[in-house]
N, C-alpha and C. Protein backbone atom coordinates (compact mmCIF):
# COMPACT_ATOMS: atom_id res chain seq x y z
N MET A 1 -127.05 68.46 126.01
CA MET A 1 -125.86 69.09 125.48
C MET A 1 -124.64 68.23 125.83
N ALA A 2 -123.82 67.93 124.81
CA ALA A 2 -122.61 67.15 125.02
C ALA A 2 -121.55 68.02 125.68
N ARG A 3 -120.60 67.39 126.33
CA ARG A 3 -119.64 68.15 127.16
C ARG A 3 -118.74 69.09 126.36
N PHE A 4 -118.49 68.82 125.08
CA PHE A 4 -117.63 69.70 124.29
C PHE A 4 -118.41 70.74 123.48
N ASP A 5 -119.73 70.75 123.58
CA ASP A 5 -120.53 71.69 122.80
C ASP A 5 -120.10 73.14 123.01
N THR A 6 -120.00 73.57 124.22
CA THR A 6 -119.68 74.97 124.50
C THR A 6 -118.33 75.35 123.91
N ILE A 7 -117.32 74.55 124.14
CA ILE A 7 -115.98 74.85 123.63
C ILE A 7 -115.97 74.92 122.11
N LEU A 8 -116.56 73.90 121.46
CA LEU A 8 -116.51 73.82 119.99
C LEU A 8 -117.37 74.89 119.33
N PHE A 9 -118.53 75.20 119.90
CA PHE A 9 -119.37 76.26 119.34
C PHE A 9 -118.74 77.63 119.56
N ASP A 10 -118.25 77.90 120.76
CA ASP A 10 -117.67 79.21 121.07
C ASP A 10 -116.40 79.48 120.25
N SER A 11 -115.64 78.44 119.95
CA SER A 11 -114.41 78.61 119.17
C SER A 11 -114.68 78.78 117.68
N GLY A 12 -115.91 78.49 117.24
CA GLY A 12 -116.23 78.58 115.82
C GLY A 12 -115.86 77.34 115.04
N PHE A 13 -115.40 76.29 115.73
CA PHE A 13 -115.02 75.06 115.03
C PHE A 13 -116.24 74.37 114.44
N VAL A 14 -117.39 74.45 115.10
CA VAL A 14 -118.61 73.81 114.61
C VAL A 14 -119.78 74.79 114.64
N THR A 15 -120.79 74.47 113.82
CA THR A 15 -122.04 75.23 113.83
C THR A 15 -123.22 74.36 114.23
N GLY A 16 -122.99 73.05 114.32
CA GLY A 16 -124.06 72.15 114.70
C GLY A 16 -123.53 70.86 115.27
N SER A 17 -124.39 70.20 116.04
CA SER A 17 -124.04 68.87 116.55
C SER A 17 -125.32 68.04 116.65
N THR A 18 -125.14 66.75 116.56
CA THR A 18 -126.25 65.82 116.69
C THR A 18 -125.76 64.56 117.40
N ARG A 19 -126.68 63.77 117.82
CA ARG A 19 -126.34 62.48 118.43
C ARG A 19 -126.38 61.43 117.33
N TYR A 20 -125.57 60.40 117.50
CA TYR A 20 -125.61 59.29 116.55
C TYR A 20 -125.88 57.99 117.29
N ASP A 21 -126.43 57.03 116.56
CA ASP A 21 -126.62 55.68 117.09
C ASP A 21 -125.32 54.93 116.90
N ASP A 22 -125.04 53.98 117.77
CA ASP A 22 -123.80 53.22 117.57
C ASP A 22 -124.03 51.82 117.05
N HIS A 23 -125.24 51.55 116.55
CA HIS A 23 -125.53 50.28 115.87
C HIS A 23 -126.51 50.53 114.75
N TYR A 24 -126.30 49.85 113.63
CA TYR A 24 -127.25 49.90 112.53
C TYR A 24 -128.30 48.83 112.76
N GLN A 25 -129.55 49.15 112.50
CA GLN A 25 -130.64 48.21 112.75
C GLN A 25 -130.37 46.88 112.04
N GLY A 26 -130.45 45.80 112.80
CA GLY A 26 -130.20 44.47 112.27
C GLY A 26 -128.75 44.04 112.37
N ASP A 27 -127.86 44.93 112.82
CA ASP A 27 -126.43 44.63 112.92
C ASP A 27 -125.92 45.14 114.27
N GLU A 28 -126.56 44.67 115.35
CA GLU A 28 -126.25 45.16 116.69
C GLU A 28 -124.89 44.70 117.22
N LYS A 29 -124.24 43.75 116.55
CA LYS A 29 -122.94 43.26 117.02
C LYS A 29 -121.78 44.18 116.61
N GLN A 30 -122.00 45.02 115.61
CA GLN A 30 -120.95 45.90 115.10
C GLN A 30 -121.19 47.33 115.59
N ASN A 31 -120.15 47.93 116.17
CA ASN A 31 -120.24 49.34 116.54
C ASN A 31 -120.05 50.19 115.29
N ARG A 32 -120.89 51.19 115.15
CA ARG A 32 -120.87 52.07 113.98
C ARG A 32 -121.20 53.49 114.41
N ILE A 33 -120.96 54.42 113.51
CA ILE A 33 -121.49 55.77 113.67
C ILE A 33 -122.64 55.85 112.67
N VAL A 34 -123.86 55.91 113.18
CA VAL A 34 -125.06 55.89 112.34
C VAL A 34 -125.79 57.22 112.51
N LEU A 35 -125.76 58.01 111.45
CA LEU A 35 -126.43 59.31 111.46
C LEU A 35 -127.82 59.21 110.83
N THR A 36 -128.68 60.09 111.24
CA THR A 36 -130.01 60.19 110.65
C THR A 36 -130.02 61.39 109.72
N ILE A 37 -130.35 61.15 108.45
CA ILE A 37 -130.40 62.23 107.47
C ILE A 37 -131.79 62.28 106.83
N THR A 38 -132.07 63.39 106.18
CA THR A 38 -133.32 63.54 105.45
C THR A 38 -132.99 64.11 104.08
N PRO A 39 -133.55 63.53 103.01
CA PRO A 39 -133.33 64.14 101.69
C PRO A 39 -134.06 65.47 101.62
N GLU A 40 -133.37 66.51 101.10
CA GLU A 40 -134.00 67.83 101.05
C GLU A 40 -135.12 67.89 100.01
N LYS A 41 -134.88 67.32 98.83
CA LYS A 41 -135.84 67.40 97.74
C LYS A 41 -137.09 66.57 98.01
N ALA A 42 -136.88 65.37 98.47
CA ALA A 42 -138.01 64.47 98.70
C ALA A 42 -138.60 64.72 100.09
N LYS A 43 -139.88 64.62 100.17
CA LYS A 43 -140.55 64.79 101.46
C LYS A 43 -140.79 63.42 102.08
N HIS A 44 -139.72 62.82 102.53
CA HIS A 44 -139.79 61.47 103.06
C HIS A 44 -139.23 61.42 104.47
N SER A 45 -139.42 60.29 105.09
CA SER A 45 -138.97 60.08 106.46
C SER A 45 -137.46 60.11 106.54
N PRO A 46 -136.93 60.44 107.71
CA PRO A 46 -135.48 60.38 107.93
C PRO A 46 -134.95 58.96 107.71
N VAL A 47 -133.69 58.87 107.32
CA VAL A 47 -133.06 57.59 107.01
C VAL A 47 -131.78 57.46 107.83
N LYS A 48 -131.55 56.27 108.37
CA LYS A 48 -130.31 55.97 109.10
C LYS A 48 -129.25 55.53 108.10
N MET A 49 -128.05 56.11 108.23
CA MET A 49 -126.94 55.77 107.33
C MET A 49 -125.65 55.66 108.14
N ILE A 50 -124.83 54.67 107.78
CA ILE A 50 -123.56 54.42 108.45
C ILE A 50 -122.48 55.36 107.88
N VAL A 51 -121.76 56.05 108.74
CA VAL A 51 -120.61 56.85 108.32
C VAL A 51 -119.47 55.89 108.00
N ASP A 52 -118.95 56.00 106.77
CA ASP A 52 -117.87 55.11 106.32
C ASP A 52 -116.78 55.96 105.68
N THR A 53 -115.74 56.27 106.45
CA THR A 53 -114.65 57.12 105.94
C THR A 53 -113.81 56.42 104.89
N GLY A 54 -114.01 55.13 104.69
CA GLY A 54 -113.29 54.39 103.65
C GLY A 54 -114.06 54.27 102.36
N ALA A 55 -115.30 54.72 102.33
CA ALA A 55 -116.13 54.61 101.13
C ALA A 55 -115.90 55.81 100.22
N PRO A 56 -115.70 55.57 98.93
CA PRO A 56 -115.47 56.69 98.02
C PRO A 56 -116.72 57.54 97.79
N TRP A 57 -117.90 56.97 97.95
CA TRP A 57 -119.16 57.71 97.81
C TRP A 57 -120.14 57.20 98.84
N CYS A 58 -121.26 57.88 98.93
CA CYS A 58 -122.37 57.35 99.71
C CYS A 58 -122.98 56.20 98.91
N VAL A 59 -123.52 55.21 99.58
CA VAL A 59 -124.17 54.08 98.92
C VAL A 59 -125.62 54.07 99.38
N LEU A 60 -126.53 54.02 98.41
CA LEU A 60 -127.95 54.12 98.71
C LEU A 60 -128.71 52.92 98.17
N ASN A 61 -129.54 52.34 99.01
CA ASN A 61 -130.42 51.25 98.62
C ASN A 61 -131.18 51.68 97.36
N PRO A 62 -131.16 50.86 96.30
CA PRO A 62 -131.83 51.26 95.05
C PRO A 62 -133.32 51.54 95.21
N GLU A 63 -134.00 50.83 96.10
CA GLU A 63 -135.42 51.12 96.32
C GLU A 63 -135.61 52.51 96.94
N LEU A 64 -134.73 52.86 97.85
CA LEU A 64 -134.78 54.19 98.46
C LEU A 64 -134.44 55.26 97.41
N ALA A 65 -133.47 54.96 96.55
CA ALA A 65 -133.11 55.90 95.48
C ALA A 65 -134.30 56.16 94.57
N GLU A 66 -135.10 55.14 94.31
CA GLU A 66 -136.29 55.32 93.49
C GLU A 66 -137.31 56.22 94.20
N ILE A 67 -137.49 55.99 95.48
CA ILE A 67 -138.40 56.83 96.27
C ILE A 67 -137.93 58.28 96.26
N TRP A 68 -136.61 58.48 96.31
CA TRP A 68 -136.03 59.82 96.30
C TRP A 68 -135.97 60.41 94.89
N ASP A 69 -136.41 59.66 93.90
CA ASP A 69 -136.39 60.08 92.50
C ASP A 69 -134.97 60.27 91.98
N LEU A 70 -134.09 59.32 92.31
CA LEU A 70 -132.70 59.37 91.86
C LEU A 70 -132.37 58.28 90.85
N THR A 71 -133.36 57.72 90.19
CA THR A 71 -133.09 56.58 89.31
C THR A 71 -133.15 56.92 87.84
N SER A 72 -133.37 58.16 87.47
CA SER A 72 -133.37 58.52 86.05
C SER A 72 -132.00 58.28 85.47
N ALA A 73 -131.95 57.99 84.19
CA ALA A 73 -130.68 57.62 83.55
C ALA A 73 -130.19 58.69 82.58
N ALA A 74 -130.56 59.93 82.78
CA ALA A 74 -130.12 61.00 81.89
C ALA A 74 -128.59 61.04 81.86
N GLU A 75 -128.05 61.05 80.65
CA GLU A 75 -126.59 60.99 80.48
C GLU A 75 -125.87 62.17 81.12
N ASP A 76 -126.48 63.33 81.12
CA ASP A 76 -125.79 64.50 81.63
C ASP A 76 -125.77 64.57 83.16
N GLU A 77 -126.46 63.66 83.85
CA GLU A 77 -126.49 63.74 85.29
C GLU A 77 -126.05 62.46 86.00
N ALA A 78 -125.80 61.40 85.24
CA ALA A 78 -125.47 60.13 85.89
C ALA A 78 -124.27 59.47 85.22
N GLN A 79 -123.28 59.14 86.01
CA GLN A 79 -122.09 58.46 85.51
C GLN A 79 -122.19 57.00 85.91
N ILE A 80 -121.97 56.10 84.94
CA ILE A 80 -121.98 54.67 85.25
C ILE A 80 -120.59 54.27 85.71
N THR A 81 -120.52 53.54 86.80
CA THR A 81 -119.24 53.12 87.36
C THR A 81 -119.45 51.86 88.19
N ASN A 82 -118.38 51.33 88.75
CA ASN A 82 -118.52 50.18 89.64
C ASN A 82 -117.93 50.51 91.00
N LEU A 83 -118.31 49.72 91.98
CA LEU A 83 -117.86 49.92 93.34
C LEU A 83 -117.80 48.59 94.05
N ASN A 84 -116.73 48.37 94.79
CA ASN A 84 -116.59 47.16 95.60
C ASN A 84 -117.30 47.41 96.93
N ILE A 85 -118.38 46.67 97.15
CA ILE A 85 -119.16 46.80 98.38
C ILE A 85 -119.04 45.49 99.15
N ARG A 86 -118.29 45.52 100.22
CA ARG A 86 -118.09 44.35 101.07
C ARG A 86 -117.64 43.12 100.27
N GLY A 87 -116.69 43.36 99.37
CA GLY A 87 -116.09 42.27 98.60
C GLY A 87 -116.83 41.91 97.33
N GLU A 88 -117.93 42.58 97.03
CA GLU A 88 -118.71 42.31 95.83
C GLU A 88 -118.68 43.54 94.93
N VAL A 89 -118.23 43.35 93.67
CA VAL A 89 -118.19 44.46 92.73
C VAL A 89 -119.58 44.65 92.15
N ARG A 90 -120.10 45.87 92.31
CA ARG A 90 -121.43 46.22 91.81
C ARG A 90 -121.32 47.36 90.81
N TRP A 91 -122.15 47.33 89.79
CA TRP A 91 -122.24 48.43 88.83
C TRP A 91 -123.43 49.29 89.21
N GLY A 92 -123.30 50.58 88.93
CA GLY A 92 -124.40 51.49 89.24
C GLY A 92 -124.15 52.87 88.69
N ARG A 93 -124.98 53.80 89.11
CA ARG A 93 -124.88 55.19 88.68
C ARG A 93 -124.51 56.06 89.86
N LEU A 94 -123.78 57.12 89.56
CA LEU A 94 -123.51 58.15 90.57
C LEU A 94 -124.55 59.24 90.39
N LYS A 95 -125.24 59.55 91.47
CA LYS A 95 -126.30 60.55 91.46
C LYS A 95 -126.05 61.54 92.60
N ARG A 96 -126.52 62.75 92.43
CA ARG A 96 -126.37 63.76 93.47
C ARG A 96 -127.72 64.11 94.07
N ALA A 97 -127.70 64.31 95.37
CA ALA A 97 -128.91 64.73 96.08
C ALA A 97 -128.50 65.55 97.29
N GLU A 98 -129.28 66.55 97.58
CA GLU A 98 -129.03 67.32 98.79
C GLU A 98 -129.69 66.63 99.97
N ILE A 99 -128.92 66.47 101.03
CA ILE A 99 -129.44 65.84 102.23
C ILE A 99 -129.20 66.76 103.42
N ILE A 100 -130.04 66.61 104.41
CA ILE A 100 -129.98 67.46 105.59
C ILE A 100 -129.54 66.63 106.78
N LEU A 101 -128.54 67.12 107.46
CA LEU A 101 -128.11 66.56 108.73
C LEU A 101 -128.70 67.48 109.80
N HIS A 102 -129.68 66.97 110.53
CA HIS A 102 -130.40 67.80 111.49
C HIS A 102 -129.62 67.95 112.79
N ALA A 103 -129.49 69.18 113.23
CA ALA A 103 -128.75 69.48 114.45
C ALA A 103 -129.65 69.36 115.67
N MET A 104 -129.14 68.74 116.71
CA MET A 104 -129.82 68.78 118.00
C MET A 104 -129.45 70.08 118.71
N ASN A 105 -128.24 70.57 118.40
CA ASN A 105 -127.75 71.85 118.91
C ASN A 105 -127.16 72.61 117.73
N GLY A 106 -127.44 73.89 117.64
CA GLY A 106 -126.89 74.69 116.55
C GLY A 106 -127.75 74.62 115.30
N GLU A 107 -127.08 74.73 114.13
CA GLU A 107 -127.75 74.83 112.84
C GLU A 107 -127.71 73.51 112.08
N ASP A 108 -128.80 73.20 111.37
CA ASP A 108 -128.81 72.05 110.46
C ASP A 108 -127.78 72.27 109.36
N LEU A 109 -127.35 71.19 108.74
CA LEU A 109 -126.38 71.26 107.65
C LEU A 109 -126.98 70.58 106.42
N THR A 110 -127.04 71.32 105.30
CA THR A 110 -127.49 70.75 104.04
C THR A 110 -126.26 70.54 103.16
N VAL A 111 -126.10 69.32 102.65
CA VAL A 111 -124.93 68.96 101.86
C VAL A 111 -125.38 68.27 100.59
N GLU A 112 -124.78 68.67 99.45
CA GLU A 112 -125.02 67.94 98.22
C GLU A 112 -124.11 66.71 98.25
N ALA A 113 -124.72 65.54 98.33
CA ALA A 113 -123.97 64.29 98.45
C ALA A 113 -123.97 63.54 97.13
N THR A 114 -122.89 62.82 96.86
CA THR A 114 -122.81 61.95 95.70
C THR A 114 -123.12 60.53 96.15
N PHE A 115 -124.15 59.94 95.56
CA PHE A 115 -124.59 58.60 95.91
C PHE A 115 -124.28 57.61 94.80
N PHE A 116 -123.79 56.46 95.18
CA PHE A 116 -123.70 55.32 94.26
C PHE A 116 -125.00 54.56 94.40
N VAL A 117 -125.74 54.44 93.30
CA VAL A 117 -127.01 53.71 93.28
C VAL A 117 -126.79 52.46 92.43
N PRO A 118 -126.71 51.28 93.06
CA PRO A 118 -126.41 50.04 92.33
C PRO A 118 -127.54 49.63 91.38
N PHE A 119 -127.15 49.03 90.25
CA PHE A 119 -128.13 48.40 89.37
C PHE A 119 -128.58 47.11 90.04
N MET A 120 -129.85 46.77 89.86
CA MET A 120 -130.41 45.57 90.47
C MET A 120 -131.17 44.76 89.42
N ASP A 121 -131.10 43.44 89.55
CA ASP A 121 -131.96 42.57 88.75
C ASP A 121 -133.38 42.72 89.28
N PRO A 122 -134.38 42.48 88.44
CA PRO A 122 -135.78 42.70 88.86
C PRO A 122 -136.19 41.98 90.15
N ASP A 123 -135.70 40.77 90.38
CA ASP A 123 -136.10 40.01 91.57
C ASP A 123 -135.06 40.06 92.69
N GLU A 124 -134.02 40.87 92.51
CA GLU A 124 -132.94 40.95 93.49
C GLU A 124 -133.33 41.83 94.68
N VAL A 125 -132.87 41.44 95.86
CA VAL A 125 -133.13 42.20 97.08
C VAL A 125 -131.81 42.81 97.57
N TRP A 126 -131.84 44.08 97.93
CA TRP A 126 -130.64 44.77 98.43
C TRP A 126 -130.47 44.43 99.91
N ASN A 127 -129.34 43.83 100.26
CA ASN A 127 -129.11 43.37 101.64
C ASN A 127 -128.04 44.16 102.38
N TYR A 128 -127.68 45.32 101.87
CA TYR A 128 -126.64 46.12 102.50
C TYR A 128 -127.24 47.36 103.14
N PRO A 129 -126.54 47.91 104.13
CA PRO A 129 -127.01 49.17 104.72
C PRO A 129 -126.73 50.34 103.78
N ASN A 130 -127.25 51.50 104.14
CA ASN A 130 -126.94 52.75 103.44
C ASN A 130 -125.70 53.35 104.11
N PHE A 131 -124.80 53.91 103.28
CA PHE A 131 -123.55 54.45 103.78
C PHE A 131 -123.39 55.92 103.40
N LEU A 132 -122.74 56.68 104.27
CA LEU A 132 -122.30 58.05 103.99
C LEU A 132 -120.80 58.00 103.80
N GLY A 133 -120.34 58.23 102.58
CA GLY A 133 -118.93 58.07 102.25
C GLY A 133 -118.10 59.33 102.43
N LEU A 134 -116.79 59.13 102.37
CA LEU A 134 -115.85 60.24 102.53
C LEU A 134 -115.93 61.19 101.35
N SER A 135 -115.67 60.66 100.14
CA SER A 135 -115.74 61.51 98.95
C SER A 135 -117.20 61.76 98.60
N GLY A 136 -117.49 62.98 98.33
CA GLY A 136 -118.85 63.32 97.95
C GLY A 136 -119.80 63.54 99.10
N PHE A 137 -119.32 63.46 100.34
CA PHE A 137 -120.15 63.84 101.48
C PHE A 137 -119.27 64.37 102.60
N LEU A 138 -118.58 63.50 103.32
CA LEU A 138 -117.80 63.93 104.48
C LEU A 138 -116.70 64.92 104.12
N ASP A 139 -116.19 64.86 102.88
CA ASP A 139 -115.15 65.80 102.47
C ASP A 139 -115.70 67.18 102.13
N ARG A 140 -117.00 67.38 102.26
CA ARG A 140 -117.61 68.66 101.93
C ARG A 140 -117.89 69.53 103.16
N PHE A 141 -117.49 69.05 104.33
CA PHE A 141 -117.63 69.83 105.56
C PHE A 141 -116.65 69.31 106.59
N ARG A 142 -116.46 70.09 107.63
CA ARG A 142 -115.60 69.69 108.75
C ARG A 142 -116.46 68.90 109.73
N PHE A 143 -115.89 67.84 110.30
CA PHE A 143 -116.64 67.07 111.30
C PHE A 143 -115.71 66.54 112.38
N ALA A 144 -116.29 66.27 113.53
CA ALA A 144 -115.57 65.68 114.65
C ALA A 144 -116.55 64.76 115.38
N VAL A 145 -115.99 63.78 116.06
CA VAL A 145 -116.80 62.79 116.78
C VAL A 145 -116.34 62.71 118.22
N ASP A 146 -117.28 62.72 119.15
CA ASP A 146 -117.00 62.43 120.55
C ASP A 146 -117.70 61.10 120.85
N ALA A 147 -116.94 60.02 120.74
CA ALA A 147 -117.50 58.68 120.90
C ALA A 147 -117.99 58.39 122.31
N SER A 148 -117.46 59.10 123.30
CA SER A 148 -117.90 58.85 124.67
C SER A 148 -119.32 59.36 124.91
N GLU A 149 -119.80 60.28 124.04
CA GLU A 149 -121.14 60.83 124.19
C GLU A 149 -122.01 60.66 122.95
N ASN A 150 -121.51 59.88 121.99
CA ASN A 150 -122.22 59.69 120.71
C ASN A 150 -122.60 61.03 120.08
N ALA A 151 -121.66 61.97 120.11
CA ALA A 151 -121.87 63.29 119.54
C ALA A 151 -121.12 63.42 118.22
N PHE A 152 -121.80 63.92 117.21
CA PHE A 152 -121.22 64.17 115.89
C PHE A 152 -121.34 65.66 115.65
N TYR A 153 -120.19 66.33 115.47
CA TYR A 153 -120.12 67.78 115.29
C TYR A 153 -119.84 68.10 113.83
N PHE A 154 -120.36 69.23 113.34
CA PHE A 154 -120.15 69.57 111.93
C PHE A 154 -120.13 71.09 111.73
N TRP A 155 -119.46 71.48 110.64
CA TRP A 155 -119.35 72.88 110.24
C TRP A 155 -119.05 72.92 108.76
N ARG A 156 -119.77 73.74 108.03
CA ARG A 156 -119.57 73.91 106.58
C ARG A 156 -118.44 74.90 106.34
N PHE A 157 -117.45 74.54 105.51
CA PHE A 157 -116.41 75.53 105.17
C PHE A 157 -116.65 76.13 103.83
């Protein structure tokens, strides 16, 4: 239990908390807030994603999007747009998926997230991490971070 759990839970500010990693696998030199999420619809393993409050949407590896069944191109469910990812403009589709943020304390949180799924050439390899963006994810619930204990707190409004 993190040191602020009792205060934040008793006050009603949060309903759940979890621990986060402070490095993304393969990028140990950069400090990050890396949460573990699970797609609700797909029965797949948990995925590590970097919290990025500057990202307009979540960004998902196209191979992972295919595994999650998010690659259909139905006009009524996917908007084509572009996004600047680390200085590179990429085209892709916006897709929605419910994901679960598992609580170590309190209640899990299920959020419908908006993902940018980049278009890829057939032989292209995706070299970027997965991101949880502000719009379409973080703006759908209240959250707080205690960096001294790697605690991520959340509450659905």
